[in-house]
């Protein structure tokens, strides 16, 4: 793995005892989109960190990287990747996603899905 530009380490922690039910499918897909984006844009800066707390009433996922960061407001409208694979997917299924990023300081994606 060391030196291979196509491999990125993901350090993950999962807590909670909620089931992976139909609410978890879009959450897992959005998490995958966030990890893929982090690996693509920030993988050389160290591991991508994943924290997931899955409970019967609410599930939270945080994906964090120490990459170059970016200004989310400056992303052109025709760049649909994050908007569709993360933000749009969560919204379409009743969840929410927030992206916090600062140029030079990395990025954190927060995903929240309340159980129905």
Protein backbone atom coordinates (compact mmCIF):
# COMPACT_ATOMS: atom_id res chain seq x y z
CA UNK A 1 0.00 0.00 0.00
CA UNK A 2 2.79 2.46 0.77
CA UNK A 3 3.72 4.40 -2.30
CA UNK A 4 0.77 3.17 -4.35
CA UNK A 5 -1.08 6.28 -5.58
CA UNK A 6 -4.22 4.23 -6.23
CA UNK A 7 -4.68 3.06 -2.66
CA UNK A 8 -5.89 5.18 0.19
CA UNK A 9 -6.17 4.07 3.80
CA UNK A 10 -9.56 4.57 5.43
CA UNK A 11 -9.57 4.58 9.22
CA UNK A 12 -13.07 3.77 10.42
CA UNK A 13 -14.98 3.57 13.67
CA UNK A 14 -18.56 2.30 13.97
CA UNK A 15 -20.62 2.44 17.13
CA UNK A 16 -24.26 1.79 17.92
CA UNK A 17 -26.61 -1.09 17.46
CA UNK A 18 -29.05 0.05 14.82
CA UNK A 19 -29.97 -2.23 11.93
CA UNK A 20 -28.93 -1.61 8.35
CA UNK A 21 -32.47 -1.26 7.03
CA UNK A 22 -33.95 0.67 4.10
CA UNK A 23 -32.96 3.98 5.75
CA UNK A 24 -29.36 2.80 5.79
CA UNK A 25 -29.09 2.18 2.05
CA UNK A 26 -28.91 5.86 0.95
CA UNK A 27 -26.74 6.63 3.99
CA UNK A 28 -24.27 3.91 2.99
CA UNK A 29 -24.29 5.08 -0.64
CA UNK A 30 -23.70 8.73 0.32
CA UNK A 31 -20.92 7.61 2.70
CA UNK A 32 -19.31 5.74 -0.17
CA UNK A 33 -19.54 8.84 -2.35
CA UNK A 34 -17.92 10.94 0.37
CA UNK A 35 -15.10 8.43 0.89
CA UNK A 36 -14.48 8.13 -2.85
CA UNK A 37 -14.33 11.90 -3.23
CA UNK A 38 -12.00 12.24 -0.23
CA UNK A 39 -9.73 9.50 -1.55
CA UNK A 40 -9.63 11.06 -5.00
CA UNK A 41 -8.88 14.61 -3.88
CA UNK A 42 -7.07 14.19 -0.56
CA UNK A 43 -5.77 10.64 -0.33
CA UNK A 44 -2.11 11.66 -0.45
CA UNK A 45 -2.62 13.80 2.67
CA UNK A 46 -3.15 10.82 4.95
CA UNK A 47 -5.95 8.48 5.80
CA UNK A 48 -9.58 9.31 5.21
CA UNK A 49 -11.36 9.05 8.55
CA UNK A 50 -14.84 7.58 8.88
CA UNK A 51 -16.97 7.70 12.01
CA UNK A 52 -20.41 6.08 11.93
CA UNK A 53 -22.91 6.00 14.77
CA UNK A 54 -25.85 3.80 13.87
CA UNK A 55 -28.76 3.80 16.32
CA UNK A 56 -32.38 2.70 15.93
CA UNK A 57 -33.67 6.30 15.88
CA UNK A 58 -30.85 8.21 14.17
CA UNK A 59 -27.71 7.45 12.20
CA UNK A 60 -24.72 9.78 11.79
CA UNK A 61 -21.70 9.45 9.55
CA UNK A 62 -18.70 11.75 9.38
CA UNK A 63 -16.07 11.48 6.66
CA UNK A 64 -12.99 13.64 7.22
CA UNK A 65 -9.80 14.22 5.29
CA UNK A 66 -6.77 16.47 5.66
CA UNK A 67 -6.51 17.28 2.00
CA UNK A 68 -6.31 20.66 0.31
CA UNK A 69 -9.92 21.57 1.09
CA UNK A 70 -12.05 23.79 -1.11
CA UNK A 71 -14.70 26.49 -0.99
CA UNK A 72 -18.03 24.65 -1.41
CA UNK A 73 -19.72 27.87 -2.55
CA UNK A 74 -17.22 28.23 -5.40
CA UNK A 75 -17.96 24.85 -7.02
CA UNK A 76 -19.44 25.50 -10.49
CA UNK A 77 -23.08 24.47 -10.99
CA UNK A 78 -22.11 21.99 -13.73
CA UNK A 79 -19.97 19.98 -11.26
CA UNK A 80 -22.66 17.55 -10.10
CA UNK A 81 -20.64 14.84 -8.32
CA UNK A 82 -20.94 15.93 -4.69
CA UNK A 83 -24.32 17.58 -5.28
CA UNK A 84 -25.82 14.38 -6.68
CA UNK A 85 -23.92 11.53 -5.00
CA UNK A 86 -23.94 12.99 -1.49
CA UNK A 87 -26.21 16.01 -0.95
CA UNK A 88 -28.94 15.04 -3.41
CA UNK A 89 -29.03 11.39 -2.39
CA UNK A 90 -29.48 12.23 1.29
CA UNK A 91 -32.14 14.87 0.61
CA UNK A 92 -34.07 12.56 -1.72
CA UNK A 93 -34.37 10.01 1.09
CA UNK A 94 -35.27 12.37 3.94
CA UNK A 95 -31.79 12.79 5.36
CA UNK A 96 -29.39 15.68 5.34
CA UNK A 97 -25.78 16.25 4.43
CA UNK A 98 -23.46 19.09 5.25
CA UNK A 99 -20.04 19.72 3.79
CA UNK A 100 -17.57 21.80 5.76
CA UNK A 101 -14.33 22.62 4.01
CA UNK A 102 -11.72 25.34 4.09
CA UNK A 103 -8.95 25.68 1.52
CA UNK A 104 -5.75 24.33 3.06
CA UNK A 105 -7.50 22.66 6.01
CA UNK A 106 -9.30 19.60 4.68
CA UNK A 107 -12.95 18.63 4.41
CA UNK A 108 -15.58 17.04 6.61
CA UNK A 109 -18.85 15.58 5.37
CA UNK A 110 -21.63 15.05 7.91
CA UNK A 111 -24.53 12.76 7.02
CA UNK A 112 -27.64 12.38 9.18
CA UNK A 113 -30.56 10.02 8.68
CA UNK A 114 -33.45 10.04 11.14
CA UNK A 115 -35.38 6.77 11.28
CA UNK A 116 -38.90 6.86 9.94
